Every structure is written in C-alpha cells, then in structure tokens.
C-alpha atoms as a PDB file:
ATOM      1  CA  ALA A   1     114.967 135.024 101.946  1.00  0.00           C
ATOM      2  CA  LEU A   2     113.807 133.630 105.260  1.00  0.00           C
ATOM      3  CA  GLY A   3     111.598 130.570 105.471  1.00  0.00           C
ATOM      4  CA  PHE A   4     110.326 127.955 107.889  1.00  0.00           C
ATOM      5  CA  SER A   5     108.689 124.580 107.294  1.00  0.00           C
ATOM      6  CA  ALA A   6     107.674 121.755 109.602  1.00  0.00           C
ATOM      7  CA  GLU A   7     105.931 118.408 109.780  1.00  0.00           C
ATOM      8  CA  TYR A   8     103.380 117.734 112.499  1.00  0.00           C
ATOM      9  CA  THR A   9     101.520 114.682 113.760  1.00  0.00           C
ATOM     10  CA  ILE A  10      97.854 114.190 112.893  1.00  0.00           C
ATOM     11  CA  ARG A  11      96.401 112.058 115.684  1.00  0.00           C
ATOM     12  CA  GLU A  12      94.856 108.711 114.763  1.00  0.00           C
ATOM     13  CA  ARG A  13      95.990 109.023 111.131  1.00  0.00           C
ATOM     14  CA  VAL A  14      98.672 107.146 109.207  1.00  0.00           C
ATOM     15  CA  VAL A  15      99.789 110.391 107.551  1.00  0.00           C
ATOM     16  CA  ASP A  16     101.396 113.513 109.014  1.00  0.00           C
ATOM     17  CA  GLY A  17     100.812 117.144 108.105  1.00  0.00           C
ATOM     18  CA  TYR A  18     103.186 119.684 106.557  1.00  0.00           C
ATOM     19  CA  TRP A  19     103.212 123.475 106.411  1.00  0.00           C
ATOM     20  CA  GLY A  20     105.685 126.171 105.466  1.00  0.00           C
ATOM     21  CA  ALA A  21     105.979 129.928 105.001  1.00  0.00           C
ATOM     22  CA  SER A  22     108.642 132.275 103.657  1.00  0.00           C
ATOM     23  CA  ILE A  23     109.354 135.897 102.805  1.00  0.00           C
ATOM     24  CA  ALA A  24     111.884 137.007 100.194  1.00  0.00           C
ATOM     25  CA  SER A  25     113.337 140.231  98.831  1.00  0.00           C
ATOM     26  CA  GLY A  26     115.845 140.722  96.033  1.00  0.00           C
ATOM     27  CA  ASP A  27     117.557 143.438  93.995  1.00  0.00           C
ATOM     28  CA  LEU A  28     119.117 142.915  90.567  1.00  0.00           C
ATOM     29  CA  ASP A  29     121.197 145.632  88.886  1.00  0.00           C
ATOM     30  CA  GLU A  30     122.219 145.018  85.287  1.00  0.00           C
ATOM     31  CA  THR A  31     124.179 146.953  82.662  1.00  0.00           C
ATOM     32  CA  ILE A  32     123.992 145.781  79.046  1.00  0.00           C
ATOM     33  CA  SER A  33     126.263 147.332  76.396  1.00  0.00           C
ATOM     34  CA  PHE A  34     126.103 146.838  72.631  1.00  0.00           C
ATOM     35  CA  GLN A  35     126.561 148.706  69.325  1.00  0.00           C
ATOM     36  CA  THR A  36     124.072 149.767  66.708  1.00  0.00           C
ATOM     37  CA  GLY A  37     124.485 148.800  63.065  1.00  0.00           C
ATOM     38  CA  GLU A  38     126.285 152.128  62.533  1.00  0.00           C
ATOM     39  CA  GLY A  39     128.744 151.390  65.313  1.00  0.00           C
ATOM     40  CA  ALA A  40     127.263 153.744  67.926  1.00  0.00           C
ATOM     41  CA  PRO A  41     127.723 152.474  71.523  1.00  0.00           C
ATOM     42  CA  VAL A  42     124.479 151.943  73.462  1.00  0.00           C
ATOM     43  CA  SER A  43     124.009 151.108  77.151  1.00  0.00           C
ATOM     44  CA  VAL A  44     120.923 149.847  78.971  1.00  0.00           C
ATOM     45  CA  GLU A  45     120.803 150.019  82.772  1.00  0.00           C
ATOM     46  CA  LEU A  46     118.126 148.014  84.603  1.00  0.00           C
ATOM     47  CA  ASP A  47     117.295 147.978  88.306  1.00  0.00           C
ATOM     48  CA  ARG A  48     114.709 145.416  89.450  1.00  0.00           C
ATOM     49  CA  LYS A  49     113.437 144.922  92.994  1.00  0.00           C
ATOM     50  CA  VAL A  50     111.403 141.836  93.882  1.00  0.00           C
ATOM     51  CA  SER A  51     109.476 141.031  97.069  1.00  0.00           C
ATOM     52  CA  ALA A  52     107.419 137.894  97.703  1.00  0.00           C
ATOM     53  CA  LEU A  53     105.345 136.079 100.323  1.00  0.00           C
ATOM     54  CA  GLN A  54     104.751 132.336 100.165  1.00  0.00           C
ATOM     55  CA  GLY A  55     102.741 129.761 102.100  1.00  0.00           C
ATOM     56  CA  SER A  56     102.498 125.975 101.733  1.00  0.00           C
ATOM     57  CA  ALA A  57     100.363 123.179 103.192  1.00  0.00           C
ATOM     58  CA  GLY A  58     100.201 119.450 102.551  1.00  0.00           C
ATOM     59  CA  LEU A  59     100.581 115.893 103.842  1.00  0.00           C
ATOM     60  CA  VAL A  60     103.447 113.505 104.554  1.00  0.00           C
ATOM     61  CA  PHE A  61     103.236 109.782 103.750  1.00  0.00           C
ATOM     62  CA  PRO A  62     105.913 107.729 105.581  1.00  0.00           C
ATOM     63  CA  LEU A  63     106.598 104.680 103.379  1.00  0.00           C
ATOM     64  CA  ASP A  64     109.232 103.233 105.714  1.00  0.00           C
ATOM     65  CA  ARG A  65     111.728 104.553 108.255  1.00  0.00           C
ATOM     66  CA  HIS A  66     113.978 105.930 105.489  1.00  0.00           C
ATOM     67  CA  LEU A  67     111.604 107.121 102.762  1.00  0.00           C
ATOM     68  CA  ARG A  68     108.609 109.445 102.789  1.00  0.00           C
ATOM     69  CA  LEU A  69     106.531 111.311 100.210  1.00  0.00           C
ATOM     70  CA  ARG A  70     105.326 114.874 100.729  1.00  0.00           C
ATOM     71  CA  PRO A  71     102.666 116.327  98.368  1.00  0.00           C
ATOM     72  CA  TYR A  72     101.728 119.954  99.058  1.00  0.00           C
ATOM     73  CA  LEU A  73     100.221 123.096  97.548  1.00  0.00           C
ATOM     74  CA  THR A  74     101.901 126.516  97.552  1.00  0.00           C
ATOM     75  CA  LEU A  75     100.609 130.047  97.010  1.00  0.00           C
ATOM     76  CA  ASN A  76     103.160 132.754  96.157  1.00  0.00           C
ATOM     77  CA  ALA A  77     102.383 136.477  95.775  1.00  0.00           C
ATOM     78  CA  SER A  78     105.172 138.689  94.414  1.00  0.00           C
ATOM     79  CA  ARG A  79     105.752 142.261  93.251  1.00  0.00           C
ATOM     80  CA  ILE A  80     108.397 143.523  90.826  1.00  0.00           C
ATOM     81  CA  ASP A  81     109.409 147.208  90.626  1.00  0.00           C
ATOM     82  CA  ALA A  82     111.771 148.058  87.774  1.00  0.00           C
ATOM     83  CA  GLU A  83     113.521 151.108  86.352  1.00  0.00           C
ATOM     84  CA  GLY A  84     115.446 151.342  83.100  1.00  0.00           C
ATOM     85  CA  ILE A  85     117.703 153.871  81.360  1.00  0.00           C
ATOM     86  CA  LEU A  86     118.515 153.621  77.655  1.00  0.00           C
ATOM     87  CA  ALA A  87     121.458 155.811  76.614  1.00  0.00           C
ATOM     88  CA  LEU A  88     123.068 156.292  73.190  1.00  0.00           C
ATOM     89  CA  LYS A  89     126.592 157.358  74.039  1.00  0.00           C
ATOM     90  CA  PRO A  90     128.242 160.245  72.140  1.00  0.00           C
ATOM     91  CA  GLN A  91     130.437 159.205  69.229  1.00  0.00           C
ATOM     92  CA  GLU A  92     133.321 161.309  67.984  1.00  0.00           C
ATOM     93  CA  GLY A  93     132.469 163.012  64.726  1.00  0.00           C
ATOM     94  CA  ARG A  94     128.835 161.820  64.782  1.00  0.00           C
ATOM     95  CA  PRO A  95     126.948 164.262  67.026  1.00  0.00           C
ATOM     96  CA  GLU A  96     123.719 163.607  65.146  1.00  0.00           C
ATOM     97  CA  LEU A  97     123.618 160.086  66.583  1.00  0.00           C
ATOM     98  CA  GLU A  98     123.560 161.257  70.187  1.00  0.00           C
ATOM     99  CA  LEU A  99     120.177 161.092  71.921  1.00  0.00           C
ATOM    100  CA  PRO A 100     119.159 162.119  75.438  1.00  0.00           C
ATOM    101  CA  PRO A 101     118.763 159.189  77.872  1.00  0.00           C
ATOM    102  CA  LEU A 102     115.334 157.536  77.890  1.00  0.00           C
ATOM    103  CA  TYR A 103     113.920 156.710  81.327  1.00  0.00           C
ATOM    104  CA  SER A 104     111.152 154.218  82.045  1.00  0.00           C
ATOM    105  CA  SER A 105     109.722 152.464  85.078  1.00  0.00           C
ATOM    106  CA  TRP A 106     107.102 149.769  85.561  1.00  0.00           C
ATOM    107  CA  ARG A 107     105.508 147.556  88.184  1.00  0.00           C
ATOM    108  CA  ALA A 108     104.030 144.070  87.969  1.00  0.00           C
ATOM    109  CA  ASP A 109     102.193 141.837  90.461  1.00  0.00           C
ATOM    110  CA  ALA A 110     102.193 138.073  90.092  1.00  0.00           C
ATOM    111  CA  LEU A 111     100.302 135.249  91.769  1.00  0.00           C
ATOM    112  CA  THR A 112     101.647 131.706  91.445  1.00  0.00           C
ATOM    113  CA  THR A 113      99.823 128.530  92.495  1.00  0.00           C
ATOM    114  CA  SER A 114     101.991 125.399  92.636  1.00  0.00           C
ATOM    115  CA  ALA A 115     101.545 121.685  93.273  1.00  0.00           C
ATOM    116  CA  THR A 116     104.668 119.848  94.433  1.00  0.00           C
ATOM    117  CA  LEU A 117     105.467 116.177  94.942  1.00  0.00           C
ATOM    118  CA  GLU A 118     108.570 115.697  97.067  1.00  0.00           C
ATOM    119  CA  GLY A 119     110.395 112.488  97.892  1.00  0.00           C
ATOM    120  CA  LEU A 120     112.816 112.383 100.851  1.00  0.00           C
ATOM    121  CA  TYR A 121     115.290 109.623 101.712  1.00  0.00           C
ATOM    122  CA  ASP A 122     117.404 109.685 104.889  1.00  0.00           C
ATOM    123  CA  ARG A 123     119.752 106.915 106.054  1.00  0.00           C
ATOM    124  CA  TRP A 124     122.696 106.436 108.411  1.00  0.00           C
ATOM    125  CA  TRP A 125     125.743 104.247 107.729  1.00  0.00           C
ATOM    126  CA  GLY A 126     127.678 104.306 110.975  1.00  0.00           C
ATOM    127  CA  SER A 127     128.456 107.969 111.634  1.00  0.00           C
ATOM    128  CA  GLY A 128     127.827 108.907 107.980  1.00  0.00           C
ATOM    129  CA  ARG A 129     124.478 110.243 106.853  1.00  0.00           C
ATOM    130  CA  LEU A 130     123.003 110.263 103.343  1.00  0.00           C
ATOM    131  CA  GLU A 131     120.145 112.637 102.502  1.00  0.00           C
ATOM    132  CA  LEU A 132     118.398 112.562  99.107  1.00  0.00           C
ATOM    133  CA  GLU A 133     115.571 114.781  97.945  1.00  0.00           C
ATOM    134  CA  ALA A 134     113.626 115.013  94.679  1.00  0.00           C
ATOM    135  CA  LEU A 135     110.959 117.635  93.908  1.00  0.00           C
ATOM    136  CA  TYR A 136     108.690 118.026  90.920  1.00  0.00           C
ATOM    137  CA  THR A 137     106.641 121.235  90.846  1.00  0.00           C
ATOM    138  CA  LEU A 138     103.881 122.240  88.419  1.00  0.00           C
ATOM    139  CA  SER A 139     102.967 125.925  88.631  1.00  0.00           C
ATOM    140  CA  TYR A 140     100.533 128.396  87.104  1.00  0.00           C
ATOM    141  CA  THR A 141     101.473 132.092  87.177  1.00  0.00           C
ATOM    142  CA  ASP A 142      99.216 135.054  86.418  1.00  0.00           C
ATOM    143  CA  SER A 143     100.928 138.456  86.278  1.00  0.00           C
ATOM    144  CA  ASP A 144      99.356 141.883  85.921  1.00  0.00           C
ATOM    145  CA  SER A 145     100.856 145.295  85.132  1.00  0.00           C
ATOM    146  CA  ASP A 146      99.233 148.664  84.520  1.00  0.00           C
ATOM    147  CA  ASP A 147     102.522 150.054  83.154  1.00  0.00           C
ATOM    148  CA  ASN A 148     103.638 147.459  80.605  1.00  0.00           C
ATOM    149  CA  ALA A 149     101.245 145.355  78.537  1.00  0.00           C
ATOM    150  CA  LEU A 150     103.984 142.779  77.881  1.00  0.00           C
ATOM    151  CA  LEU A 151     103.905 141.888  81.587  1.00  0.00           C
ATOM    152  CA  ASP A 152     100.190 141.020  81.505  1.00  0.00           C
ATOM    153  CA  SER A 153     100.739 137.309  81.040  1.00  0.00           C
ATOM    154  CA  HIS A 154      99.858 133.872  82.328  1.00  0.00           C
ATOM    155  CA  GLY A 155     101.171 130.379  81.799  1.00  0.00           C
ATOM    156  CA  TRP A 156     102.197 126.986  83.121  1.00  0.00           C
ATOM    157  CA  HIS A 157     105.721 125.840  83.948  1.00  0.00           C
ATOM    158  CA  ASP A 158     107.272 122.859  85.690  1.00  0.00           C
ATOM    159  CA  THR A 159     110.558 122.384  87.515  1.00  0.00           C
ATOM    160  CA  LEU A 160     112.592 119.398  88.656  1.00  0.00           C
ATOM    161  CA  VAL A 161     114.991 119.753  91.608  1.00  0.00           C
ATOM    162  CA  LEU A 162     117.335 116.995  92.830  1.00  0.00           C
ATOM    163  CA  ARG A 163     119.425 117.369  96.005  1.00  0.00           C
ATOM    164  CA  SER A 164     121.937 115.056  97.674  1.00  0.00           C
ATOM    165  CA  ARG A 165     124.066 115.451 100.818  1.00  0.00           C
ATOM    166  CA  TRP A 166     126.618 113.179 102.507  1.00  0.00           C
ATOM    167  CA  SER A 167     127.876 114.193 105.955  1.00  0.00           C
ATOM    168  CA  LYS A 168     130.255 112.865 108.623  1.00  0.00           C
ATOM    169  CA  PRO A 169     131.399 114.200 112.001  1.00  0.00           C
ATOM    170  CA  LEU A 170     134.468 116.365 112.582  1.00  0.00           C
ATOM    171  CA  PRO A 171     136.712 115.621 115.602  1.00  0.00           C
ATOM    172  CA  ILE A 172     135.580 118.804 117.416  1.00  0.00           C
ATOM    173  CA  GLN A 173     132.665 119.672 119.691  1.00  0.00           C
ATOM    174  CA  THR A 174     131.383 123.101 120.867  1.00  0.00           C
ATOM    175  CA  PRO A 175     130.248 122.853 123.731  1.00  0.00           C
ATOM    176  CA  GLY A 176     129.145 119.246 123.805  1.00  0.00           C
ATOM    177  CA  ALA A 177     127.528 119.423 120.326  1.00  0.00           C
ATOM    178  CA  PRO A 178     129.368 117.986 117.286  1.00  0.00           C
ATOM    179  CA  TRP A 179     130.484 119.668 114.081  1.00  0.00           C
ATOM    180  CA  ARG A 180     129.989 117.850 110.774  1.00  0.00           C
ATOM    181  CA  TRP A 181     131.396 118.258 107.282  1.00  0.00           C
ATOM    182  CA  SER A 182     129.344 117.453 104.198  1.00  0.00           C
ATOM    183  CA  LEU A 183     129.512 117.267 100.433  1.00  0.00           C
ATOM    184  CA  TYR A 184     126.479 118.120  98.317  1.00  0.00           C
ATOM    185  CA  LEU A 185     125.360 117.916  94.702  1.00  0.00           C
ATOM    186  CA  ASN A 186     122.158 119.636  93.539  1.00  0.00           C
ATOM    187  CA  HIS A 187     120.499 119.869  90.137  1.00  0.00           C
ATOM    188  CA  VAL A 188     117.826 122.337  88.978  1.00  0.00           C
ATOM    189  CA  ASN A 189     116.029 121.873  85.652  1.00  0.00           C
ATOM    190  CA  ILE A 190     113.352 124.314  84.434  1.00  0.00           C
ATOM    191  CA  LEU A 191     111.727 121.796  82.157  1.00  0.00           C
ATOM    192  CA  ASN A 192     109.502 123.718  79.749  1.00  0.00           C
ATOM    193  CA  GLN A 193     111.185 127.131  79.706  1.00  0.00           C
ATOM    194  CA  GLU A 194     112.946 128.419  76.614  1.00  0.00           C
ATOM    195  CA  LYS A 195     116.671 128.937  77.150  1.00  0.00           C
ATOM    196  CA  GLN A 196     116.380 132.523  75.903  1.00  0.00           C
ATOM    197  CA  ALA A 197     114.304 133.531  78.934  1.00  0.00           C
ATOM    198  CA  LEU A 198     117.223 133.295  81.413  1.00  0.00           C
ATOM    199  CA  GLY A 199     120.103 132.291  79.143  1.00  0.00           C
ATOM    200  CA  PHE A 200     120.014 128.761  80.602  1.00  0.00           C
ATOM    201  CA  SER A 201     117.450 126.103  81.501  1.00  0.00           C
ATOM    202  CA  TYR A 202     119.368 123.887  83.947  1.00  0.00           C
ATOM    203  CA  TYR A 203     122.444 123.858  86.182  1.00  0.00           C
ATOM    204  CA  PHE A 204     124.342 121.807  88.780  1.00  0.00           C
ATOM    205  CA  ASP A 205     125.451 123.119  92.177  1.00  0.00           C
ATOM    206  CA  VAL A 206     128.305 121.141  93.771  1.00  0.00           C
ATOM    207  CA  GLY A 207     130.174 122.039  96.930  1.00  0.00           C
ATOM    208  CA  ALA A 208     131.079 121.431 100.559  1.00  0.00           C
ATOM    209  CA  ALA A 209     129.712 122.609 103.911  1.00  0.00           C
ATOM    210  CA  VAL A 210     130.524 122.679 107.620  1.00  0.00           C
ATOM    211  CA  SER A 211     127.672 122.630 110.157  1.00  0.00           C
ATOM    212  CA  TYR A 212     127.198 122.842 113.924  1.00  0.00           C
ATOM    213  CA  GLU A 213     124.726 120.137 114.995  1.00  0.00           C
ATOM    214  CA  ILE A 214     122.575 121.841 117.640  1.00  0.00           C
ATOM    215  CA  ASN A 215     119.509 119.531 117.663  1.00  0.00           C
ATOM    216  CA  ILE A 216     117.302 121.580 119.986  1.00  0.00           C
ATOM    217  CA  LYS A 217     113.548 122.062 120.165  1.00  0.00           C
ATOM    218  CA  ALA A 218     112.817 125.659 121.110  1.00  0.00           C
ATOM    219  CA  LEU A 219     109.692 126.253 123.227  1.00  0.00           C
ATOM    220  CA  ASP A 220     108.670 122.641 122.484  1.00  0.00           C
ATOM    221  CA  TRP A 221     107.365 123.946 119.146  1.00  0.00           C
ATOM    222  CA  PHE A 222     109.939 123.603 116.388  1.00  0.00           C
ATOM    223  CA  GLY A 223     113.263 121.831 116.087  1.00  0.00           C
ATOM    224  CA  LEU A 224     116.574 123.271 114.918  1.00  0.00           C
ATOM    225  CA  ARG A 225     119.012 120.652 113.623  1.00  0.00           C
ATOM    226  CA  TYR A 226     122.078 122.624 112.562  1.00  0.00           C
ATOM    227  CA  LEU A 227     123.685 125.929 111.615  1.00  0.00           C
ATOM    228  CA  GLY A 228     126.319 125.969 108.910  1.00  0.00           C
ATOM    229  CA  PHE A 229     128.260 127.561 106.074  1.00  0.00           C
ATOM    230  CA  ARG A 230     128.518 126.244 102.533  1.00  0.00           C
ATOM    231  CA  ALA A 231     130.449 127.101  99.369  1.00  0.00           C
ATOM    232  CA  GLY A 232     129.983 125.646  95.917  1.00  0.00           C
ATOM    233  CA  ALA A 233     130.349 126.011  92.171  1.00  0.00           C
ATOM    234  CA  ILE A 234     127.479 126.415  89.681  1.00  0.00           C
ATOM    235  CA  LEU A 235     127.997 124.511  86.433  1.00  0.00           C
ATOM    236  CA  GLY A 236     125.893 124.163  83.300  1.00  0.00           C
ATOM    237  CA  ALA A 237     126.004 124.166  79.513  1.00  0.00           C
ATOM    238  CA  ASP A 238     125.168 127.894  79.369  1.00  0.00           C
ATOM    239  CA  VAL A 239     125.930 129.180  82.869  1.00  0.00           C
ATOM    240  CA  ASP A 240     128.725 129.094  85.441  1.00  0.00           C
ATOM    241  CA  GLY A 241     129.336 130.809  88.750  1.00  0.00           C
ATOM    242  CA  TYR A 242     129.625 130.187  92.467  1.00  0.00           C
ATOM    243  CA  SER A 243     127.410 130.175  95.544  1.00  0.00           C
ATOM    244  CA  LEU A 244     128.136 131.039  99.183  1.00  0.00           C
ATOM    245  CA  GLY A 245     125.580 130.664 101.933  1.00  0.00           C
ATOM    246  CA  LEU A 246     124.747 130.475 105.609  1.00  0.00           C
ATOM    247  CA  THR A 247     122.350 127.601 106.260  1.00  0.00           C
ATOM    248  CA  PHE A 248     120.160 126.316 109.036  1.00  0.00           C
ATOM    249  CA  ARG A 249     117.628 123.513 109.287  1.00  0.00           C
END
C-alpha cells in the first residue's frame, strides 16, 4: 500500500482542511487441510488478489496547541479476484473415495463509503514526544459479483483504532539530522463483526521503531517528517503474530 494525506490552511477560517489518497494491492495464498467423516484427507487451496483505490476529504478543528479533531469522509473502491482448488486426496485401499480436483474462480467488486472521527494529541516533554491517536469509523459496503451469489452483499460495520507512540532522540546524526527511537502500542477492534469472519475481532500491536528525522518540505508542497523501520508483536485472544515495516510520515 502507498498513501498520502495532508492538512492545508483554509484562509479566513478557524478550521483547516484535510485530504488523503491511497492505492493498495495484496495477495493471499491459503491451504486448508481437513478430513471427511470417513477419514479421507481433503485439501482446499485458495488464491485471492485484492486491489483498491481510496480517497478522503474532511476538516480539522484545532482545539488547542496539543489536541485537534479531524472528521472526514472516505470512498474506497476494491476488486477481489479469487481461485480455488478442492482436492480429495487418494486413500490407500479406498480408491472409490478419490475424486478429480474441482476448480473454481470468481470476481467481486466492492464500494465502501466511510465516515471517520479522528482525535490527535501531540505533546513534547523535553526531548521526548508523545503522540496519541483515536479513530472511530462507520462504514457501509456494497459488493457485487456475477460469479458467486454469496458475494452479492451489503452491510454496515464500525471499527475503533487506538494508536500511541513515545519517542526520544538517539545520540547520532546523519548528516545533521537526528535519529530517534520510539515505542508504540496500537489496538484495533472490529466492533460489530462476528469472530468467525476472520477468526478474531480485535488485536494489539506492540513494538519498537527507529526513525531518521528528515523534516523537509519538498517543492514547498508537502512535508516529510521521518523515515524509519519498525518491528512488533501482534497479540489477541484468538490471534498472534508479528509485524515488520518500513514507515514514513
């Protein structure tokens, strides 16, 4: 995924403007193995490719020098292409249970309209910086598929995201710009989704990061604060894993 967002000044107004855009592409390969009631091994292989375009626009209300609210609307258009293979593996002494592999493919298009209320808090204590962010998003998704009637669906869902970051400088500079280390703790909660849909409905992401504080404004148009690398652990009641990422802001 690659995205960009920015705030801009609206002249002679007490509020600022906000806009953002992003493009994303993903590929998920899955293999699921299980046994029938008669003990025959079965495998299901799924390959799903997702591509999406997203645009956002809204306002920014500065409440004081540390806290601001940012309500905005987002439109997301996505496409999912999927292929699946269902295979009943041969079983010794039971040739009658063997079936040729079943192939299927389908495509779905989805349009999601979202309303988000975001709160941002930013404060310095000496050389340390605390950044807090809270987002509540209410979305409506309408999907359409000519290949699979189950994918013709629509519905509402809401999500809560909490992010926190504490950073301090490292005793190195390259060249003339400082490096900083940071600790972060994030929480994602898909509020009204059944756990069976993904296998989980919430998780925590905790980790550490190192960033190079560039603080430049290219072409007098947009600012770039830092480039960095982060690593963390994903923890939840029904999910665990890790995350690695290159970041910029």
